[in-house]
Amino acid sequence: MEYKQVILVRADLKLPKGKMSAQCSHASVEAVLRSDKELVKKWRAQGSKKVVLKVENLEELHKYNQMAKDIGLTTALITDAGKTVIAPGTETAVGIGPDEEERIDKITGNLKII
């Protein structure tokens, strides 16, 4: 069984690469901290696969976050503090998993890599 983590990031924000990277990192770390320790252990043993995918806007970010939660996946919605390039409270990214690749792909398999 393969394990992975997916990070969803909003394309409409047109974040600079450094800011996007930071938001994705926040989503990844927070989702791992919230995840079942056995799943994290299995995922790490396989190399900690991560995939960053784009969603078009806030509505899609919320939609995919809720879909993941509805099937029992761990998620982490990231809200920016607003200290650099975007307004405080802007929701930027969602971390999903780590979990079984097949479970995550049921939700995010149609999305494109950013």
PDB file of N, CA and C in Angstrom:
ATOM      1  N   MET A   1       0.837  -1.181   0.000  1.00  0.00           N
ATOM      2  CA  MET A   1       0.000   0.000   0.000  1.00  0.00           C
ATOM      3  C   MET A   1       0.884   1.247   0.000  1.00  0.00           C
ATOM      4  N   GLU A   2       0.548   2.190  -0.862  1.00  0.00           N
ATOM      5  CA  GLU A   2       1.316   3.434  -0.976  1.00  0.00           C
ATOM      6  C   GLU A   2       0.647   4.537  -0.153  1.00  0.00           C
ATOM      7  N   TYR A   3       1.477   5.411   0.410  1.00  0.00           N
ATOM      8  CA  TYR A   3       0.996   6.528   1.214  1.00  0.00           C
ATOM      9  C   TYR A   3       1.505   7.842   0.612  1.00  0.00           C
ATOM     10  N   LYS A   4       0.718   8.902   0.798  1.00  0.00           N
ATOM     11  CA  LYS A   4       1.155  10.222   0.349  1.00  0.00           C
ATOM     12  C   LYS A   4       0.408  11.298   1.107  1.00  0.00           C
ATOM     13  N   GLN A   5       0.868  12.512   0.897  1.00  0.00           N
ATOM     14  CA  GLN A   5       0.202  13.700   1.405  1.00  0.00           C
ATOM     15  C   GLN A   5      -0.029  14.622   0.216  1.00  0.00           C
ATOM     16  N   VAL A   6      -1.164  15.322   0.230  1.00  0.00           N
ATOM     17  CA  VAL A   6      -1.466  16.290  -0.816  1.00  0.00           C
ATOM     18  C   VAL A   6      -1.642  17.656  -0.163  1.00  0.00           C
ATOM     19  N   ILE A   7      -1.102  18.666  -0.799  1.00  0.00           N
ATOM     20  CA  ILE A   7      -1.298  20.039  -0.371  1.00  0.00           C
ATOM     21  C   ILE A   7      -2.015  20.762  -1.500  1.00  0.00           C
ATOM     22  N   LEU A   8      -3.137  21.377  -1.155  1.00  0.00           N
ATOM     23  CA  LEU A   8      -3.915  22.160  -2.115  1.00  0.00           C
ATOM     24  C   LEU A   8      -3.624  23.630  -1.874  1.00  0.00           C
ATOM     25  N   VAL A   9      -3.378  24.372  -2.951  1.00  0.00           N
ATOM     26  CA  VAL A   9      -3.092  25.798  -2.820  1.00  0.00           C
ATOM     27  C   VAL A   9      -3.951  26.580  -3.814  1.00  0.00           C
ATOM     28  N   ARG A  10      -4.409  27.737  -3.391  1.00  0.00           N
ATOM     29  CA  ARG A  10      -5.280  28.568  -4.216  1.00  0.00           C
ATOM     30  C   ARG A  10      -4.515  29.249  -5.349  1.00  0.00           C
ATOM     31  N   ALA A  11      -4.941  29.007  -6.588  1.00  0.00           N
ATOM     32  CA  ALA A  11      -4.304  29.622  -7.753  1.00  0.00           C
ATOM     33  C   ALA A  11      -4.700  31.089  -7.907  1.00  0.00           C
ATOM     34  N   ASP A  12      -5.905  31.451  -7.455  1.00  0.00           N
ATOM     35  CA  ASP A  12      -6.387  32.816  -7.652  1.00  0.00           C
ATOM     36  C   ASP A  12      -5.602  33.856  -6.866  1.00  0.00           C
ATOM     37  N   LEU A  13      -4.871  33.440  -5.844  1.00  0.00           N
ATOM     38  CA  LEU A  13      -4.097  34.394  -5.047  1.00  0.00           C
ATOM     39  C   LEU A  13      -2.816  34.833  -5.749  1.00  0.00           C
ATOM     40  N   LYS A  14      -2.376  34.040  -6.734  1.00  0.00           N
ATOM     41  CA  LYS A  14      -1.150  34.358  -7.483  1.00  0.00           C
ATOM     42  C   LYS A  14       0.007  34.709  -6.531  1.00  0.00           C
ATOM     43  N   LEU A  15       0.218  33.811  -5.570  1.00  0.00           N
ATOM     44  CA  LEU A  15       1.250  34.030  -4.565  1.00  0.00           C
ATOM     45  C   LEU A  15       2.645  33.958  -5.180  1.00  0.00           C
ATOM     46  N   PRO A  16       3.559  34.819  -4.721  1.00  0.00           N
ATOM     47  CA  PRO A  16       4.958  34.661  -5.137  1.00  0.00           C
ATOM     48  C   PRO A  16       5.447  33.278  -4.705  1.00  0.00           C
ATOM     49  N   LYS A  17       6.438  32.739  -5.410  1.00  0.00           N
ATOM     50  CA  LYS A  17       6.902  31.372  -5.155  1.00  0.00           C
ATOM     51  C   LYS A  17       7.308  31.138  -3.707  1.00  0.00           C
ATOM     52  N   GLY A  18       7.995  32.094  -3.120  1.00  0.00           N
ATOM     53  CA  GLY A  18       8.427  31.936  -1.734  1.00  0.00           C
ATOM     54  C   GLY A  18       7.255  31.878  -0.775  1.00  0.00           C
ATOM     55  N   LYS A  19       6.273  32.744  -0.971  1.00  0.00           N
ATOM     56  CA  LYS A  19       5.079  32.760  -0.120  1.00  0.00           C
ATOM     57  C   LYS A  19       4.295  31.468  -0.290  1.00  0.00           C
ATOM     58  N   MET A  20       4.132  31.027  -1.542  1.00  0.00           N
ATOM     59  CA  MET A  20       3.419  29.779  -1.798  1.00  0.00           C
ATOM     60  C   MET A  20       4.121  28.609  -1.105  1.00  0.00           C
ATOM     61  N   SER A  21       5.435  28.589  -1.198  1.00  0.00           N
ATOM     62  CA  SER A  21       6.202  27.525  -0.559  1.00  0.00           C
ATOM     63  C   SER A  21       5.993  27.525   0.944  1.00  0.00           C
ATOM     64  N   ALA A  22       5.982  28.689   1.540  1.00  0.00           N
ATOM     65  CA  ALA A  22       5.764  28.786   2.987  1.00  0.00           C
ATOM     66  C   ALA A  22       4.371  28.294   3.368  1.00  0.00           C
ATOM     67  N   GLN A  23       3.368  28.676   2.595  1.00  0.00           N
ATOM     68  CA  GLN A  23       1.999  28.253   2.893  1.00  0.00           C
ATOM     69  C   GLN A  23       1.845  26.735   2.750  1.00  0.00           C
ATOM     70  N   CYS A  24       2.468  26.184   1.720  1.00  0.00           N
ATOM     71  CA  CYS A  24       2.442  24.729   1.533  1.00  0.00           C
ATOM     72  C   CYS A  24       3.154  24.017   2.677  1.00  0.00           C
ATOM     73  N   SER A  25       4.252  24.597   3.125  1.00  0.00           N
ATOM     74  CA  SER A  25       4.982  24.009   4.248  1.00  0.00           C
ATOM     75  C   SER A  25       4.136  24.023   5.515  1.00  0.00           C
ATOM     76  N   HIS A  26       3.457  25.136   5.777  1.00  0.00           N
ATOM     77  CA  HIS A  26       2.562  25.203   6.938  1.00  0.00           C
ATOM     78  C   HIS A  26       1.490  24.117   6.856  1.00  0.00           C
ATOM     79  N   ALA A  27       0.892  23.955   5.678  1.00  0.00           N
ATOM     80  CA  ALA A  27      -0.168  22.961   5.498  1.00  0.00           C
ATOM     81  C   ALA A  27       0.362  21.546   5.707  1.00  0.00           C
ATOM     82  N   SER A  28       1.536  21.271   5.170  1.00  0.00           N
ATOM     83  CA  SER A  28       2.123  19.940   5.310  1.00  0.00           C
ATOM     84  C   SER A  28       2.400  19.605   6.772  1.00  0.00           C
ATOM     85  N   VAL A  29       3.092  20.497   7.455  1.00  0.00           N
ATOM     86  CA  VAL A  29       3.470  20.250   8.845  1.00  0.00           C
ATOM     87  C   VAL A  29       2.234  20.119   9.734  1.00  0.00           C
ATOM     88  N   GLU A  30       1.301  21.023   9.585  1.00  0.00           N
ATOM     89  CA  GLU A  30       0.106  20.988  10.433  1.00  0.00           C
ATOM     90  C   GLU A  30      -0.699  19.713  10.217  1.00  0.00           C
ATOM     91  N   ALA A  31      -0.838  19.280   8.977  1.00  0.00           N
ATOM     92  CA  ALA A  31      -1.574  18.041   8.698  1.00  0.00           C
ATOM     93  C   ALA A  31      -0.861  16.838   9.311  1.00  0.00           C
ATOM     94  N   VAL A  32       0.458  16.795   9.221  1.00  0.00           N
ATOM     95  CA  VAL A  32       1.221  15.696   9.822  1.00  0.00           C
ATOM     96  C   VAL A  32       1.025  15.689  11.338  1.00  0.00           C
ATOM     97  N   LEU A  33       1.081  16.861  11.951  1.00  0.00           N
ATOM     98  CA  LEU A  33       0.917  16.934  13.407  1.00  0.00           C
ATOM     99  C   LEU A  33      -0.463  16.461  13.860  1.00  0.00           C
ATOM    100  N   ARG A  34      -1.453  16.603  13.004  1.00  0.00           N
ATOM    101  CA  ARG A  34      -2.822  16.185  13.336  1.00  0.00           C
ATOM    102  C   ARG A  34      -3.105  14.723  12.979  1.00  0.00           C
ATOM    103  N   SER A  35      -2.201  14.092  12.248  1.00  0.00           N
ATOM    104  CA  SER A  35      -2.447  12.757  11.695  1.00  0.00           C
ATOM    105  C   SER A  35      -2.157  11.641  12.684  1.00  0.00           C
ATOM    106  N   ASP A  36      -2.762  10.497  12.409  1.00  0.00           N
ATOM    107  CA  ASP A  36      -2.512   9.273  13.162  1.00  0.00           C
ATOM    108  C   ASP A  36      -1.033   8.922  13.060  1.00  0.00           C
ATOM    109  N   LYS A  37      -0.422   8.655  14.189  1.00  0.00           N
ATOM    110  CA  LYS A  37       1.029   8.419  14.231  1.00  0.00           C
ATOM    111  C   LYS A  37       1.447   7.191  13.423  1.00  0.00           C
ATOM    112  N   GLU A  38       0.611   6.160  13.365  1.00  0.00           N
ATOM    113  CA  GLU A  38       0.947   4.970  12.572  1.00  0.00           C
ATOM    114  C   GLU A  38       0.956   5.273  11.080  1.00  0.00           C
ATOM    115  N   LEU A  39      -0.004   6.083  10.631  1.00  0.00           N
ATOM    116  CA  LEU A  39      -0.017   6.495   9.218  1.00  0.00           C
ATOM    117  C   LEU A  39       1.224   7.307   8.887  1.00  0.00           C
ATOM    118  N   VAL A  40       1.603   8.210   9.784  1.00  0.00           N
ATOM    119  CA  VAL A  40       2.798   9.030   9.568  1.00  0.00           C
ATOM    120  C   VAL A  40       4.032   8.135   9.493  1.00  0.00           C
ATOM    121  N   LYS A  41       4.106   7.154  10.353  1.00  0.00           N
ATOM    122  CA  LYS A  41       5.253   6.239  10.365  1.00  0.00           C
ATOM    123  C   LYS A  41       5.366   5.479   9.041  1.00  0.00           C
ATOM    124  N   LYS A  42       4.251   4.959   8.536  1.00  0.00           N
ATOM    125  CA  LYS A  42       4.248   4.227   7.256  1.00  0.00           C
ATOM    126  C   LYS A  42       4.620   5.151   6.100  1.00  0.00           C
ATOM    127  N   TRP A  43       4.064   6.357   6.105  1.00  0.00           N
ATOM    128  CA  TRP A  43       4.339   7.361   5.062  1.00  0.00           C
ATOM    129  C   TRP A  43       5.811   7.739   5.051  1.00  0.00           C
ATOM    130  N   ARG A  44       6.371   7.974   6.220  1.00  0.00           N
ATOM    131  CA  ARG A  44       7.787   8.333   6.313  1.00  0.00           C
ATOM    132  C   ARG A  44       8.683   7.197   5.845  1.00  0.00           C
ATOM    133  N   ALA A  45       8.298   5.961   6.150  1.00  0.00           N
ATOM    134  CA  ALA A  45       9.091   4.802   5.729  1.00  0.00           C
ATOM    135  C   ALA A  45       9.150   4.679   4.210  1.00  0.00           C
ATOM    136  N   GLN A  46       8.156   5.248   3.510  1.00  0.00           N
ATOM    137  CA  GLN A  46       8.121   5.206   2.049  1.00  0.00           C
ATOM    138  C   GLN A  46       8.697   6.470   1.408  1.00  0.00           C
ATOM    139  N   GLY A  47       9.241   7.368   2.191  1.00  0.00           N
ATOM    140  CA  GLY A  47       9.873   8.557   1.623  1.00  0.00           C
ATOM    141  C   GLY A  47       9.081   9.841   1.736  1.00  0.00           C
ATOM    142  N   SER A  48       7.954   9.830   2.448  1.00  0.00           N
ATOM    143  CA  SER A  48       7.168  11.052   2.709  1.00  0.00           C
ATOM    144  C   SER A  48       6.695  11.749   1.444  1.00  0.00           C
ATOM    145  N   LYS A  49       6.108  11.009   0.521  1.00  0.00           N
ATOM    146  CA  LYS A  49       5.632  11.573  -0.750  1.00  0.00           C
ATOM    147  C   LYS A  49       4.634  12.710  -0.504  1.00  0.00           C
ATOM    148  N   LYS A  50       4.892  13.836  -1.180  1.00  0.00           N
ATOM    149  CA  LYS A  50       4.011  15.006  -1.131  1.00  0.00           C
ATOM    150  C   LYS A  50       3.736  15.471  -2.548  1.00  0.00           C
ATOM    151  N   VAL A  51       2.499  15.886  -2.796  1.00  0.00           N
ATOM    152  CA  VAL A  51       2.115  16.412  -4.102  1.00  0.00           C
ATOM    153  C   VAL A  51       1.368  17.725  -3.865  1.00  0.00           C
ATOM    154  N   VAL A  52       1.766  18.781  -4.569  1.00  0.00           N
ATOM    155  CA  VAL A  52       1.107  20.076  -4.451  1.00  0.00           C
ATOM    156  C   VAL A  52       0.214  20.274  -5.667  1.00  0.00           C
ATOM    157  N   LEU A  53      -1.059  20.502  -5.398  1.00  0.00           N
ATOM    158  CA  LEU A  53      -2.069  20.654  -6.444  1.00  0.00           C
ATOM    159  C   LEU A  53      -2.755  21.999  -6.308  1.00  0.00           C
ATOM    160  N   LYS A  54      -3.287  22.501  -7.426  1.00  0.00           N
ATOM    161  CA  LYS A  54      -3.964  23.796  -7.373  1.00  0.00           C
ATOM    162  C   LYS A  54      -5.475  23.633  -7.373  1.00  0.00           C
ATOM    163  N   VAL A  55      -6.096  24.538  -6.633  1.00  0.00           N
ATOM    164  CA  VAL A  55      -7.540  24.744  -6.720  1.00  0.00           C
ATOM    165  C   VAL A  55      -7.723  26.167  -7.227  1.00  0.00           C
ATOM    166  N   GLU A  56      -8.844  26.432  -7.855  1.00  0.00           N
ATOM    167  CA  GLU A  56      -9.033  27.726  -8.510  1.00  0.00           C
ATOM    168  C   GLU A  56      -9.260  28.881  -7.540  1.00  0.00           C
ATOM    169  N   ASN A  57      -9.949  28.616  -6.412  1.00  0.00           N
ATOM    170  CA  ASN A  57     -10.351  29.726  -5.543  1.00  0.00           C
ATOM    171  C   ASN A  57     -10.704  29.222  -4.143  1.00  0.00           C
ATOM    172  N   LEU A  58     -11.150  30.125  -3.297  1.00  0.00           N
ATOM    173  CA  LEU A  58     -11.508  29.788  -1.918  1.00  0.00           C
ATOM    174  C   LEU A  58     -12.643  28.770  -1.860  1.00  0.00           C
ATOM    175  N   GLU A  59     -13.621  28.936  -2.727  1.00  0.00           N
ATOM    176  CA  GLU A  59     -14.759  28.009  -2.755  1.00  0.00           C
ATOM    177  C   GLU A  59     -14.278  26.572  -3.004  1.00  0.00           C
ATOM    178  N   GLU A  60     -13.381  26.393  -3.969  1.00  0.00           N
ATOM    179  CA  GLU A  60     -12.844  25.048  -4.245  1.00  0.00           C
ATOM    180  C   GLU A  60     -11.990  24.540  -3.092  1.00  0.00           C
ATOM    181  N   LEU A  61     -11.225  25.428  -2.472  1.00  0.00           N
ATOM    182  CA  LEU A  61     -10.408  25.021  -1.330  1.00  0.00           C
ATOM    183  C   LEU A  61     -11.302  24.441  -0.237  1.00  0.00           C
ATOM    184  N   HIS A  62     -12.386  25.139   0.074  1.00  0.00           N
ATOM    185  CA  HIS A  62     -13.328  24.656   1.082  1.00  0.00           C
ATOM    186  C   HIS A  62     -14.010  23.361   0.647  1.00  0.00           C
ATOM    187  N   LYS A  63     -14.372  23.283  -0.617  1.00  0.00           N
ATOM    188  CA  LYS A  63     -15.046  22.088  -1.135  1.00  0.00           C
ATOM    189  C   LYS A  63     -14.183  20.844  -0.959  1.00  0.00           C
ATOM    190  N   TYR A  64     -12.931  20.912  -1.384  1.00  0.00           N
ATOM    191  CA  TYR A  64     -12.053  19.748  -1.291  1.00  0.00           C
ATOM    192  C   TYR A  64     -11.679  19.438   0.152  1.00  0.00           C
ATOM    193  N   ASN A  65     -11.530  20.461   0.963  1.00  0.00           N
ATOM    194  CA  ASN A  65     -11.274  20.249   2.382  1.00  0.00           C
ATOM    195  C   ASN A  65     -12.426  19.463   3.012  1.00  0.00           C
ATOM    196  N   GLN A  66     -13.646  19.880   2.727  1.00  0.00           N
ATOM    197  CA  GLN A  66     -14.816  19.205   3.300  1.00  0.00           C
ATOM    198  C   GLN A  66     -14.976  17.787   2.761  1.00  0.00           C
ATOM    199  N   MET A  67     -14.742  17.604   1.473  1.00  0.00           N
ATOM    200  CA  MET A  67     -14.827  16.264   0.892  1.00  0.00           C
ATOM    201  C   MET A  67     -13.838  15.316   1.567  1.00  0.00           C
ATOM    202  N   ALA A  68     -12.636  15.797   1.813  1.00  0.00           N
ATOM    203  CA  ALA A  68     -11.622  14.973   2.481  1.00  0.00           C
ATOM    204  C   ALA A  68     -12.056  14.632   3.898  1.00  0.00           C
ATOM    205  N   LYS A  69     -12.547  15.620   4.619  1.00  0.00           N
ATOM    206  CA  LYS A  69     -13.018  15.385   5.984  1.00  0.00           C
ATOM    207  C   LYS A  69     -14.177  14.381   5.994  1.00  0.00           C
ATOM    208  N   ASP A  70     -15.063  14.504   5.014  1.00  0.00           N
ATOM    209  CA  ASP A  70     -16.245  13.639   4.960  1.00  0.00           C
ATOM    210  C   ASP A  70     -15.903  12.164   4.843  1.00  0.00           C
ATOM    211  N   ILE A  71     -14.742  11.836   4.250  1.00  0.00           N
ATOM    212  CA  ILE A  71     -14.363  10.420   4.167  1.00  0.00           C
ATOM    213  C   ILE A  71     -13.322  10.037   5.228  1.00  0.00           C
ATOM    214  N   GLY A  72     -13.115  10.940   6.188  1.00  0.00           N
ATOM    215  CA  GLY A  72     -12.262  10.623   7.316  1.00  0.00           C
ATOM    216  C   GLY A  72     -10.785  10.920   7.163  1.00  0.00           C
ATOM    217  N   LEU A  73     -10.421  11.705   6.152  1.00  0.00           N
ATOM    218  CA  LEU A  73      -9.019  12.093   5.991  1.00  0.00           C
ATOM    219  C   LEU A  73      -8.702  13.269   6.924  1.00  0.00           C
ATOM    220  N   THR A  74      -7.480  13.301   7.409  1.00  0.00           N
ATOM    221  CA  THR A  74      -7.012  14.425   8.221  1.00  0.00           C
ATOM    222  C   THR A  74      -6.706  15.602   7.306  1.00  0.00           C
ATOM    223  N   THR A  75      -7.173  16.788   7.699  1.00  0.00           N
ATOM    224  CA  THR A  75      -6.890  17.989   6.919  1.00  0.00           C
ATOM    225  C   THR A  75      -6.399  19.111   7.826  1.00  0.00           C
ATOM    226  N   ALA A  76      -5.748  20.081   7.209  1.00  0.00           N
ATOM    227  CA  ALA A  76      -5.307  21.284   7.905  1.00  0.00           C
ATOM    228  C   ALA A  76      -5.493  22.477   6.976  1.00  0.00           C
ATOM    229  N   LEU A  77      -6.431  23.333   7.308  1.00  0.00           N
ATOM    230  CA  LEU A  77      -6.690  24.554   6.547  1.00  0.00           C
ATOM    231  C   LEU A  77      -5.810  25.671   7.101  1.00  0.00           C
ATOM    232  N   ILE A  78      -5.043  26.308   6.235  1.00  0.00           N
ATOM    233  CA  ILE A  78      -4.090  27.326   6.653  1.00  0.00           C
ATOM    234  C   ILE A  78      -4.648  28.727   6.409  1.00  0.00           C
ATOM    235  N   THR A  79      -4.598  29.536   7.452  1.00  0.00           N
ATOM    236  CA  THR A  79      -5.023  30.932   7.398  1.00  0.00           C
ATOM    237  C   THR A  79      -3.805  31.804   7.634  1.00  0.00           C
ATOM    238  N   ASP A  80      -3.521  32.707   6.703  1.00  0.00           N
ATOM    239  CA  ASP A  80      -2.313  33.527   6.783  1.00  0.00           C
ATOM    240  C   ASP A  80      -2.447  34.632   7.822  1.00  0.00           C
ATOM    241  N   ALA A  81      -1.337  34.936   8.459  1.00  0.00           N
ATOM    242  CA  ALA A  81      -1.298  35.999   9.468  1.00  0.00           C
ATOM    243  C   ALA A  81      -1.283  37.392   8.848  1.00  0.00           C
ATOM    244  N   GLY A  82      -0.981  37.483   7.562  1.00  0.00           N
ATOM    245  CA  GLY A  82      -1.029  38.773   6.873  1.00  0.00           C
ATOM    246  C   GLY A  82       0.155  39.676   7.119  1.00  0.00           C
ATOM    247  N   LYS A  83       1.294  39.114   7.410  1.00  0.00           N
ATOM    248  CA  LYS A  83       2.473  39.940   7.706  1.00  0.00           C
ATOM    249  C   LYS A  83       3.284  40.297   6.471  1.00  0.00           C
ATOM    250  N   THR A  84       2.951  39.700   5.326  1.00  0.00           N
ATOM    251  CA  THR A  84       3.746  39.992   4.116  1.00  0.00           C
ATOM    252  C   THR A  84       2.857  40.434   2.965  1.00  0.00           C
ATOM    253  N   VAL A  85       2.481  39.525   2.070  1.00  0.00           N
ATOM    254  CA  VAL A  85       1.882  39.944   0.797  1.00  0.00           C
ATOM    255  C   VAL A  85       0.368  39.782   0.681  1.00  0.00           C
ATOM    256  N   ILE A  86      -0.280  39.160   1.658  1.00  0.00           N
ATOM    257  CA  ILE A  86      -1.738  39.001   1.577  1.00  0.00           C
ATOM    258  C   ILE A  86      -2.388  39.457   2.882  1.00  0.00           C
ATOM    259  N   ALA A  87      -3.677  39.702   2.818  1.00  0.00           N
ATOM    260  CA  ALA A  87      -4.402  40.232   3.976  1.00  0.00           C
ATOM    261  C   ALA A  87      -4.494  39.204   5.107  1.00  0.00           C
ATOM    262  N   PRO A  88      -4.480  39.684   6.352  1.00  0.00           N
ATOM    263  CA  PRO A  88      -4.658  38.775   7.485  1.00  0.00           C
ATOM    264  C   PRO A  88      -5.966  37.999   7.355  1.00  0.00           C
ATOM    265  N   GLY A  89      -5.915  36.722   7.702  1.00  0.00           N
ATOM    266  CA  GLY A  89      -7.108  35.890   7.663  1.00  0.00           C
ATOM    267  C   GLY A  89      -7.374  35.213   6.330  1.00  0.00           C
ATOM    268  N   THR A  90      -6.519  35.451   5.342  1.00  0.00           N
ATOM    269  CA  THR A  90      -6.700  34.813   4.035  1.00  0.00           C
ATOM    270  C   THR A  90      -6.399  33.327   4.139  1.00  0.00           C
ATOM    271  N   GLU A  91      -7.343  32.508   3.704  1.00  0.00           N
ATOM    272  CA  GLU A  91      -7.147  31.055   3.690  1.00  0.00           C
ATOM    273  C   GLU A  91      -6.426  30.700   2.394  1.00  0.00           C
ATOM    274  N   THR A  92      -5.273  30.083   2.529  1.00  0.00           N
ATOM    275  CA  THR A  92      -4.378  29.905   1.390  1.00  0.00           C
ATOM    276  C   THR A  92      -4.217  28.472   0.908  1.00  0.00           C
ATOM    277  N   ALA A  93      -4.217  27.517   1.831  1.00  0.00           N
ATOM    278  CA  ALA A  93      -3.849  26.141   1.483  1.00  0.00           C
ATOM    279  C   ALA A  93      -4.503  25.155   2.430  1.00  0.00           C
ATOM    280  N   VAL A  94      -4.539  23.892   1.986  1.00  0.00           N
ATOM    281  CA  VAL A  94      -5.026  22.789   2.813  1.00  0.00           C
ATOM    282  C   VAL A  94      -4.063  21.621   2.658  1.00  0.00           C
ATOM    283  N   GLY A  95      -3.661  21.061   3.781  1.00  0.00           N
ATOM    284  CA  GLY A  95      -2.909  19.813   3.779  1.00  0.00           C
ATOM    285  C   GLY A  95      -3.870  18.661   3.990  1.00  0.00           C
ATOM    286  N   ILE A  96      -3.700  17.594   3.224  1.00  0.00           N
ATOM    287  CA  ILE A  96      -4.530  16.389   3.365  1.00  0.00           C
ATOM    288  C   ILE A  96      -3.595  15.206   3.569  1.00  0.00           C
ATOM    289  N   GLY A  97      -3.791  14.504   4.668  1.00  0.00           N
ATOM    290  CA  GLY A  97      -2.983  13.332   4.969  1.00  0.00           C
ATOM    291  C   GLY A  97      -1.710  13.692   5.693  1.00  0.00           C
ATOM    292  N   PRO A  98      -0.822  12.715   5.789  1.00  0.00           N
ATOM    293  CA  PRO A  98      -0.665  11.528   4.954  1.00  0.00           C
ATOM    294  C   PRO A  98      -1.716  10.460   5.236  1.00  0.00           C
ATOM    295  N   ASP A  99      -1.986   9.700   4.179  1.00  0.00           N
ATOM    296  CA  ASP A  99      -2.922   8.590   4.241  1.00  0.00           C
ATOM    297  C   ASP A  99      -2.688   7.721   3.011  1.00  0.00           C
ATOM    298  N   GLU A 100      -3.529   6.705   2.873  1.00  0.00           N
ATOM    299  CA  GLU A 100      -3.417   5.816   1.718  1.00  0.00           C
ATOM    300  C   GLU A 100      -3.648   6.622   0.438  1.00  0.00           C
ATOM    301  N   GLU A 101      -2.759   6.432  -0.523  1.00  0.00           N
ATOM    302  CA  GLU A 101      -2.823   7.172  -1.781  1.00  0.00           C
ATOM    303  C   GLU A 101      -4.184   7.043  -2.458  1.00  0.00           C
ATOM    304  N   GLU A 102      -4.747   5.847  -2.472  1.00  0.00           N
ATOM    305  CA  GLU A 102      -6.043   5.617  -3.123  1.00  0.00           C
ATOM    306  C   GLU A 102      -7.151   6.437  -2.479  1.00  0.00           C
ATOM    307  N   ARG A 103      -7.125   6.555  -1.156  1.00  0.00           N
ATOM    308  CA  ARG A 103      -8.161   7.331  -0.453  1.00  0.00           C
ATOM    309  C   ARG A 103      -8.056   8.803  -0.819  1.00  0.00           C
ATOM    310  N   ILE A 104      -6.846   9.324  -0.836  1.00  0.00           N
ATOM    311  CA  ILE A 104      -6.655  10.741  -1.165  1.00  0.00           C
ATOM    312  C   ILE A 104      -7.009  11.005  -2.624  1.00  0.00           C
ATOM    313  N   ASP A 105      -6.616  10.090  -3.522  1.00  0.00           N
ATOM    314  CA  ASP A 105      -6.895  10.274  -4.946  1.00  0.00           C
ATOM    315  C   ASP A 105      -8.392  10.293  -5.261  1.00  0.00           C
ATOM    316  N   LYS A 106      -9.208   9.655  -4.430  1.00  0.00           N
ATOM    317  CA  LYS A 106     -10.663   9.695  -4.634  1.00  0.00           C
ATOM    318  C   LYS A 106     -11.181  11.131  -4.556  1.00  0.00           C
ATOM    319  N   ILE A 107     -10.505  11.953  -3.779  1.00  0.00           N
ATOM    320  CA  ILE A 107     -10.906  13.342  -3.604  1.00  0.00           C
ATOM    321  C   ILE A 107     -10.165  14.268  -4.551  1.00  0.00           C
ATOM    322  N   THR A 108      -8.864  14.098  -4.688  1.00  0.00           N
ATOM    323  CA  THR A 108      -8.029  15.089  -5.384  1.00  0.00           C
ATOM    324  C   THR A 108      -7.473  14.604  -6.742  1.00  0.00           C
ATOM    325  N   GLY A 109      -7.862  13.423  -7.159  1.00  0.00           N
ATOM    326  CA  GLY A 109      -7.294  12.828  -8.375  1.00  0.00           C
ATOM    327  C   GLY A 109      -7.526  13.613  -9.648  1.00  0.00           C
ATOM    328  N   ASN A 110      -8.490  14.505  -9.665  1.00  0.00           N
ATOM    329  CA  ASN A 110      -8.790  15.282 -10.875  1.00  0.00           C
ATOM    330  C   ASN A 110      -8.077  16.633 -10.908  1.00  0.00           C
ATOM    331  N   LEU A 111      -7.370  16.982  -9.853  1.00  0.00           N
ATOM    332  CA  LEU A 111      -6.717  18.292  -9.787  1.00  0.00           C
ATOM    333  C   LEU A 111      -5.350  18.271 -10.458  1.00  0.00           C
ATOM    334  N   LYS A 112      -4.888  19.431 -10.880  1.00  0.00           N
ATOM    335  CA  LYS A 112      -3.607  19.567 -11.595  1.00  0.00           C
ATOM    336  C   LYS A 112      -2.497  20.008 -10.639  1.00  0.00           C
ATOM    337  N   ILE A 113      -1.292  19.590 -10.964  1.00  0.00           N
ATOM    338  CA  ILE A 113      -0.119  20.027 -10.220  1.00  0.00           C
ATOM    339  C   ILE A 113       0.093  21.508 -10.496  1.00  0.00           C
ATOM    340  N   ILE A 114       0.463  22.242  -9.468  1.00  0.00           N
ATOM    341  CA  ILE A 114       0.656  23.681  -9.638  1.00  0.00           C
ATOM    342  C   ILE A 114       2.021  23.981 -10.243  1.00  0.00           C
TER     343      ILE A 114
END
